Amino acid sequence: MRARLKSGSRVAGWYGAGSYASSHPASAYDLSLESTWRLAPDGRSLSRVDRTQGPYVRLDDIEVLEFVTSKQR
């Protein structure tokens, strides 16, 4: 997944079995990804960031959320 935040920052991570997305009736919507990925200037995922447990993002802070497949279809 890739996200552009309202601040202009970008984050990327892998959403898998170790990830979490909150849902209604939670008062705040949150997304926790199991790993963090470095992004190239053009938005491509480059490599996994070692020694992290993935990004935590409040959905209120996200401007655009993109679901990306690992293979070209």
PDB file of N, CA and C in Angstrom:
ATOM      1  N   MET A   1       0.844  -1.156   0.000  1.00  0.00           N
ATOM      2  CA  MET A   1       0.000   0.000   0.000  1.00  0.00           C
ATOM      3  C   MET A   1       0.895   1.225   0.000  1.00  0.00           C
ATOM      4  N   ARG A   2       0.427   2.242  -0.697  1.00  0.00           N
ATOM      5  CA  ARG A   2       1.118   3.533  -0.683  1.00  0.00           C
ATOM      6  C   ARG A   2       0.107   4.588  -0.281  1.00  0.00           C
ATOM      7  N   ALA A   3       0.571   5.564   0.471  1.00  0.00           N
ATOM      8  CA  ALA A   3      -0.320   6.637   0.898  1.00  0.00           C
ATOM      9  C   ALA A   3       0.377   7.980   0.756  1.00  0.00           C
ATOM     10  N   ARG A   4      -0.378   8.960   0.268  1.00  0.00           N
ATOM     11  CA  ARG A   4       0.086  10.346   0.299  1.00  0.00           C
ATOM     12  C   ARG A   4      -0.699  11.013   1.426  1.00  0.00           C
ATOM     13  N   LEU A   5       0.028  11.561   2.366  1.00  0.00           N
ATOM     14  CA  LEU A   5      -0.605  12.193   3.514  1.00  0.00           C
ATOM     15  C   LEU A   5      -0.971  13.631   3.200  1.00  0.00           C
ATOM     16  N   LYS A   6      -1.884  14.175   3.967  1.00  0.00           N
ATOM     17  CA  LYS A   6      -2.306  15.568   3.778  1.00  0.00           C
ATOM     18  C   LYS A   6      -1.139  16.529   3.959  1.00  0.00           C
ATOM     19  N   SER A   7      -0.111  16.102   4.702  1.00  0.00           N
ATOM     20  CA  SER A   7       1.081  16.928   4.911  1.00  0.00           C
ATOM     21  C   SER A   7       1.970  16.963   3.671  1.00  0.00           C
ATOM     22  N   GLY A   8       1.712  16.057   2.701  1.00  0.00           N
ATOM     23  CA  GLY A   8       2.547  15.953   1.508  1.00  0.00           C
ATOM     24  C   GLY A   8       3.533  14.800   1.587  1.00  0.00           C
ATOM     25  N   SER A   9       3.748  14.248   2.772  1.00  0.00           N
ATOM     26  CA  SER A   9       4.633  13.092   2.939  1.00  0.00           C
ATOM     27  C   SER A   9       4.012  11.861   2.297  1.00  0.00           C
ATOM     28  N   ARG A  10       4.875  10.903   1.961  1.00  0.00           N
ATOM     29  CA  ARG A  10       4.395   9.642   1.414  1.00  0.00           C
ATOM     30  C   ARG A  10       4.920   8.499   2.277  1.00  0.00           C
ATOM     31  N   VAL A  11       4.098   7.473   2.457  1.00  0.00           N
ATOM     32  CA  VAL A  11       4.508   6.272   3.176  1.00  0.00           C
ATOM     33  C   VAL A  11       4.092   5.059   2.357  1.00  0.00           C
ATOM     34  N   ALA A  12       4.836   3.970   2.530  1.00  0.00           N
ATOM     35  CA  ALA A  12       4.505   2.730   1.842  1.00  0.00           C
ATOM     36  C   ALA A  12       4.777   1.574   2.778  1.00  0.00           C
ATOM     37  N   GLY A  13       3.983   0.544   2.647  1.00  0.00           N
ATOM     38  CA  GLY A  13       4.175  -0.638   3.471  1.00  0.00           C
ATOM     39  C   GLY A  13       3.429  -1.828   2.913  1.00  0.00           C
ATOM     40  N   TRP A  14       3.708  -2.985   3.505  1.00  0.00           N
ATOM     41  CA  TRP A  14       3.081  -4.232   3.096  1.00  0.00           C
ATOM     42  C   TRP A  14       1.914  -4.522   4.023  1.00  0.00           C
ATOM     43  N   TYR A  15       0.718  -4.720   3.436  1.00  0.00           N
ATOM     44  CA  TYR A  15      -0.446  -5.107   4.223  1.00  0.00           C
ATOM     45  C   TYR A  15      -0.582  -6.615   4.113  1.00  0.00           C
ATOM     46  N   GLY A  16      -0.325  -7.313   5.216  1.00  0.00           N
ATOM     47  CA  GLY A  16      -0.401  -8.769   5.248  1.00  0.00           C
ATOM     48  C   GLY A  16      -0.999  -9.232   6.557  1.00  0.00           C
ATOM     49  N   ALA A  17      -0.739 -10.487   6.909  1.00  0.00           N
ATOM     50  CA  ALA A  17      -1.332 -11.100   8.099  1.00  0.00           C
ATOM     51  C   ALA A  17      -0.976 -10.353   9.388  1.00  0.00           C
ATOM     52  N   GLY A  18       0.169  -9.676   9.417  1.00  0.00           N
ATOM     53  CA  GLY A  18       0.585  -8.935  10.603  1.00  0.00           C
ATOM     54  C   GLY A  18       0.124  -7.491  10.615  1.00  0.00           C
ATOM     55  N   SER A  19      -0.741  -7.122   9.693  1.00  0.00           N
ATOM     56  CA  SER A  19      -1.242  -5.745   9.588  1.00  0.00           C
ATOM     57  C   SER A  19      -2.600  -5.625  10.268  1.00  0.00           C
ATOM     58  N   TYR A  20      -3.033  -4.372  10.435  1.00  0.00           N
ATOM     59  CA  TYR A  20      -4.311  -4.121  11.099  1.00  0.00           C
ATOM     60  C   TYR A  20      -4.966  -2.887  10.493  1.00  0.00           C
ATOM     61  N   ALA A  21      -6.256  -2.978  10.262  1.00  0.00           N
ATOM     62  CA  ALA A  21      -7.055  -1.825   9.838  1.00  0.00           C
ATOM     63  C   ALA A  21      -8.274  -1.770  10.747  1.00  0.00           C
ATOM     64  N   SER A  22      -8.465  -0.645  11.424  1.00  0.00           N
ATOM     65  CA  SER A  22      -9.620  -0.524  12.305  1.00  0.00           C
ATOM     66  C   SER A  22     -10.881  -0.345  11.472  1.00  0.00           C
ATOM     67  N   SER A  23     -12.005  -0.539  12.117  1.00  0.00           N
ATOM     68  CA  SER A  23     -13.278  -0.389  11.413  1.00  0.00           C
ATOM     69  C   SER A  23     -14.324   0.185  12.365  1.00  0.00           C
ATOM     70  N   HIS A  24     -15.450   0.530  11.802  1.00  0.00           N
ATOM     71  CA  HIS A  24     -16.547   1.093  12.582  1.00  0.00           C
ATOM     72  C   HIS A  24     -16.947   0.090  13.649  1.00  0.00           C
ATOM     73  N   PRO A  25     -17.243   0.425  14.869  1.00  0.00           N
ATOM     74  CA  PRO A  25     -17.532   1.753  15.402  1.00  0.00           C
ATOM     75  C   PRO A  25     -16.353   2.430  16.089  1.00  0.00           C
ATOM     76  N   ALA A  26     -15.135   2.094  15.711  1.00  0.00           N
ATOM     77  CA  ALA A  26     -13.977   2.761  16.310  1.00  0.00           C
ATOM     78  C   ALA A  26     -14.088   4.264  16.129  1.00  0.00           C
ATOM     79  N   SER A  27     -13.674   5.022  17.144  1.00  0.00           N
ATOM     80  CA  SER A  27     -13.788   6.478  17.055  1.00  0.00           C
ATOM     81  C   SER A  27     -12.781   7.069  16.079  1.00  0.00           C
ATOM     82  N   ALA A  28     -11.658   6.385  15.892  1.00  0.00           N
ATOM     83  CA  ALA A  28     -10.652   6.840  14.927  1.00  0.00           C
ATOM     84  C   ALA A  28     -10.301   5.659  14.034  1.00  0.00           C
ATOM     85  N   TYR A  29     -10.121   5.916  12.766  1.00  0.00           N
ATOM     86  CA  TYR A  29      -9.744   4.857  11.843  1.00  0.00           C
ATOM     87  C   TYR A  29      -8.236   4.857  11.693  1.00  0.00           C
ATOM     88  N   ASP A  30      -7.643   3.686  11.821  1.00  0.00           N
ATOM     89  CA  ASP A  30      -6.196   3.550  11.819  1.00  0.00           C
ATOM     90  C   ASP A  30      -5.771   2.417  10.902  1.00  0.00           C
ATOM     91  N   LEU A  31      -4.534   2.513  10.443  1.00  0.00           N
ATOM     92  CA  LEU A  31      -3.959   1.498   9.580  1.00  0.00           C
ATOM     93  C   LEU A  31      -2.543   1.212  10.079  1.00  0.00           C
ATOM     94  N   SER A  32      -2.250  -0.047  10.362  1.00  0.00           N
ATOM     95  CA  SER A  32      -0.920  -0.454  10.794  1.00  0.00           C
ATOM     96  C   SER A  32      -0.433  -1.520   9.817  1.00  0.00           C
ATOM     97  N   LEU A  33       0.653  -1.220   9.116  1.00  0.00           N
ATOM     98  CA  LEU A  33       1.195  -2.142   8.112  1.00  0.00           C
ATOM     99  C   LEU A  33       2.357  -2.925   8.706  1.00  0.00           C
ATOM    100  N   GLU A  34       2.560  -4.165   8.244  1.00  0.00           N
ATOM    101  CA  GLU A  34       3.554  -5.027   8.882  1.00  0.00           C
ATOM    102  C   GLU A  34       4.993  -4.729   8.492  1.00  0.00           C
ATOM    103  N   SER A  35       5.223  -3.981   7.431  1.00  0.00           N
ATOM    104  CA  SER A  35       6.583  -3.567   7.087  1.00  0.00           C
ATOM    105  C   SER A  35       6.538  -2.241   6.337  1.00  0.00           C
ATOM    106  N   THR A  36       7.649  -1.523   6.414  1.00  0.00           N
ATOM    107  CA  THR A  36       7.798  -0.234   5.745  1.00  0.00           C
ATOM    108  C   THR A  36       8.666  -0.423   4.505  1.00  0.00           C
ATOM    109  N   TRP A  37       8.333   0.308   3.431  1.00  0.00           N
ATOM    110  CA  TRP A  37       9.109   0.230   2.183  1.00  0.00           C
ATOM    111  C   TRP A  37       9.588   1.606   1.771  1.00  0.00           C
ATOM    112  N   ARG A  38      10.805   1.660   1.228  1.00  0.00           N
ATOM    113  CA  ARG A  38      11.350   2.899   0.660  1.00  0.00           C
ATOM    114  C   ARG A  38      10.686   3.141  -0.694  1.00  0.00           C
ATOM    115  N   LEU A  39      10.474   4.406  -0.998  1.00  0.00           N
ATOM    116  CA  LEU A  39       9.869   4.782  -2.277  1.00  0.00           C
ATOM    117  C   LEU A  39      10.850   5.570  -3.127  1.00  0.00           C
ATOM    118  N   ALA A  40      10.841   5.302  -4.423  1.00  0.00           N
ATOM    119  CA  ALA A  40      11.595   6.105  -5.390  1.00  0.00           C
ATOM    120  C   ALA A  40      10.836   7.412  -5.603  1.00  0.00           C
ATOM    121  N   PRO A  41      11.488   8.428  -6.153  1.00  0.00           N
ATOM    122  CA  PRO A  41      10.798   9.699  -6.424  1.00  0.00           C
ATOM    123  C   PRO A  41       9.547   9.542  -7.291  1.00  0.00           C
ATOM    124  N   ASP A  42       9.539   8.510  -8.168  1.00  0.00           N
ATOM    125  CA  ASP A  42       8.366   8.307  -9.020  1.00  0.00           C
ATOM    126  C   ASP A  42       7.279   7.454  -8.346  1.00  0.00           C
ATOM    127  N   GLY A  43       7.496   7.046  -7.078  1.00  0.00           N
ATOM    128  CA  GLY A  43       6.489   6.302  -6.335  1.00  0.00           C
ATOM    129  C   GLY A  43       6.664   4.797  -6.321  1.00  0.00           C
ATOM    130  N   ARG A  44       7.648   4.279  -7.091  1.00  0.00           N
ATOM    131  CA  ARG A  44       7.884   2.834  -7.084  1.00  0.00           C
ATOM    132  C   ARG A  44       8.450   2.395  -5.737  1.00  0.00           C
ATOM    133  N   SER A  45       8.050   1.201  -5.292  1.00  0.00           N
ATOM    134  CA  SER A  45       8.618   0.625  -4.080  1.00  0.00           C
ATOM    135  C   SER A  45      10.007   0.104  -4.399  1.00  0.00           C
ATOM    136  N   LEU A  46      10.992   0.478  -3.580  1.00  0.00           N
ATOM    137  CA  LEU A  46      12.373   0.081  -3.838  1.00  0.00           C
ATOM    138  C   LEU A  46      12.809  -1.106  -2.992  1.00  0.00           C
ATOM    139  N   SER A  47      12.729  -0.969  -1.673  1.00  0.00           N
ATOM    140  CA  SER A  47      13.198  -2.032  -0.793  1.00  0.00           C
ATOM    141  C   SER A  47      12.565  -1.879   0.582  1.00  0.00           C
ATOM    142  N   ARG A  48      12.535  -2.989   1.285  1.00  0.00           N
ATOM    143  CA  ARG A  48      11.988  -3.000   2.636  1.00  0.00           C
ATOM    144  C   ARG A  48      12.956  -2.302   3.586  1.00  0.00           C
ATOM    145  N   VAL A  49      12.411  -1.565   4.528  1.00  0.00           N
ATOM    146  CA  VAL A  49      13.217  -0.901   5.555  1.00  0.00           C
ATOM    147  C   VAL A  49      13.433  -1.909   6.687  1.00  0.00           C
ATOM    148  N   ASP A  50      14.691  -2.232   6.963  1.00  0.00           N
ATOM    149  CA  ASP A  50      15.020  -3.196   8.021  1.00  0.00           C
ATOM    150  C   ASP A  50      14.746  -2.617   9.402  1.00  0.00           C
ATOM    151  N   ARG A  51      14.510  -3.502  10.334  1.00  0.00           N
ATOM    152  CA  ARG A  51      14.358  -3.184  11.760  1.00  0.00           C
ATOM    153  C   ARG A  51      13.213  -2.224  12.053  1.00  0.00           C
ATOM    154  N   THR A  52      12.126  -2.346  11.306  1.00  0.00           N
ATOM    155  CA  THR A  52      10.916  -1.597  11.638  1.00  0.00           C
ATOM    156  C   THR A  52       9.763  -2.601  11.744  1.00  0.00           C
ATOM    157  N   GLN A  53       8.713  -2.194  12.414  1.00  0.00           N
ATOM    158  CA  GLN A  53       7.520  -3.023  12.499  1.00  0.00           C
ATOM    159  C   GLN A  53       6.421  -2.434  11.625  1.00  0.00           C
ATOM    160  N   GLY A  54       6.788  -1.581  10.710  1.00  0.00           N
ATOM    161  CA  GLY A  54       5.831  -1.011   9.770  1.00  0.00           C
ATOM    162  C   GLY A  54       5.244   0.298  10.245  1.00  0.00           C
ATOM    163  N   PRO A  55       4.692   1.055   9.295  1.00  0.00           N
ATOM    164  CA  PRO A  55       4.126   2.355   9.640  1.00  0.00           C
ATOM    165  C   PRO A  55       2.746   2.232  10.269  1.00  0.00           C
ATOM    166  N   TYR A  56       2.441   3.172  11.128  1.00  0.00           N
ATOM    167  CA  TYR A  56       1.114   3.337  11.711  1.00  0.00           C
ATOM    168  C   TYR A  56       0.587   4.666  11.183  1.00  0.00           C
ATOM    169  N   VAL A  57      -0.577   4.643  10.573  1.00  0.00           N
ATOM    170  CA  VAL A  57      -1.119   5.855   9.953  1.00  0.00           C
ATOM    171  C   VAL A  57      -2.566   6.039  10.379  1.00  0.00           C
ATOM    172  N   ARG A  58      -2.894   7.240  10.807  1.00  0.00           N
ATOM    173  CA  ARG A  58      -4.301   7.577  11.069  1.00  0.00           C
ATOM    174  C   ARG A  58      -4.947   7.874   9.725  1.00  0.00           C
ATOM    175  N   LEU A  59      -6.053   7.246   9.458  1.00  0.00           N
ATOM    176  CA  LEU A  59      -6.698   7.427   8.157  1.00  0.00           C
ATOM    177  C   LEU A  59      -7.145   8.872   7.934  1.00  0.00           C
ATOM    178  N   ASP A  60      -7.399   9.609   9.013  1.00  0.00           N
ATOM    179  CA  ASP A  60      -7.734  11.035   8.871  1.00  0.00           C
ATOM    180  C   ASP A  60      -6.591  11.831   8.253  1.00  0.00           C
ATOM    181  N   ASP A  61      -5.359  11.311   8.348  1.00  0.00           N
ATOM    182  CA  ASP A  61      -4.182  12.010   7.823  1.00  0.00           C
ATOM    183  C   ASP A  61      -3.902  11.678   6.360  1.00  0.00           C
ATOM    184  N   ILE A  62      -4.626  10.704   5.793  1.00  0.00           N
ATOM    185  CA  ILE A  62      -4.366  10.249   4.432  1.00  0.00           C
ATOM    186  C   ILE A  62      -5.197  11.038   3.421  1.00  0.00           C
ATOM    187  N   GLU A  63      -4.516  11.527   2.387  1.00  0.00           N
ATOM    188  CA  GLU A  63      -5.206  12.183   1.277  1.00  0.00           C
ATOM    189  C   GLU A  63      -5.543  11.167   0.184  1.00  0.00           C
ATOM    190  N   VAL A  64      -4.562  10.299  -0.159  1.00  0.00           N
ATOM    191  CA  VAL A  64      -4.756   9.265  -1.173  1.00  0.00           C
ATOM    192  C   VAL A  64      -4.177   7.956  -0.646  1.00  0.00           C
ATOM    193  N   LEU A  65      -4.960   6.878  -0.725  1.00  0.00           N
ATOM    194  CA  LEU A  65      -4.495   5.547  -0.346  1.00  0.00           C
ATOM    195  C   LEU A  65      -4.565   4.655  -1.573  1.00  0.00           C
ATOM    196  N   GLU A  66      -3.440   4.032  -1.898  1.00  0.00           N
ATOM    197  CA  GLU A  66      -3.359   3.221  -3.116  1.00  0.00           C
ATOM    198  C   GLU A  66      -3.005   1.780  -2.766  1.00  0.00           C
ATOM    199  N   PHE A  67      -3.771   0.847  -3.316  1.00  0.00           N
ATOM    200  CA  PHE A  67      -3.508  -0.572  -3.158  1.00  0.00           C
ATOM    201  C   PHE A  67      -2.714  -1.025  -4.384  1.00  0.00           C
ATOM    202  N   VAL A  68      -1.544  -1.595  -4.164  1.00  0.00           N
ATOM    203  CA  VAL A  68      -0.644  -1.951  -5.255  1.00  0.00           C
ATOM    204  C   VAL A  68      -0.386  -3.461  -5.205  1.00  0.00           C
ATOM    205  N   THR A  69      -0.436  -4.116  -6.369  1.00  0.00           N
ATOM    206  CA  THR A  69      -0.112  -5.533  -6.417  1.00  0.00           C
ATOM    207  C   THR A  69       1.389  -5.718  -6.548  1.00  0.00           C
ATOM    208  N   SER A  70       1.866  -6.879  -6.157  1.00  0.00           N
ATOM    209  CA  SER A  70       3.303  -7.126  -6.228  1.00  0.00           C
ATOM    210  C   SER A  70       3.743  -7.573  -7.624  1.00  0.00           C
ATOM    211  N   LYS A  71       2.797  -7.933  -8.488  1.00  0.00           N
ATOM    212  CA  LYS A  71       3.122  -8.341  -9.855  1.00  0.00           C
ATOM    213  C   LYS A  71       2.280  -7.556 -10.850  1.00  0.00           C
ATOM    214  N   GLN A  72       2.866  -7.299 -12.002  1.00  0.00           N
ATOM    215  CA  GLN A  72       2.141  -6.610 -13.089  1.00  0.00           C
ATOM    216  C   GLN A  72       1.099  -7.541 -13.661  1.00  0.00           C
ATOM    217  N   ARG A  73      -0.113  -7.066 -13.864  1.00  0.00           N
ATOM    218  CA  ARG A  73      -1.177  -7.899 -14.453  1.00  0.00           C
ATOM    219  C   ARG A  73      -1.462  -7.487 -15.848  1.00  0.00           C
TER     220      ARG A  73
END
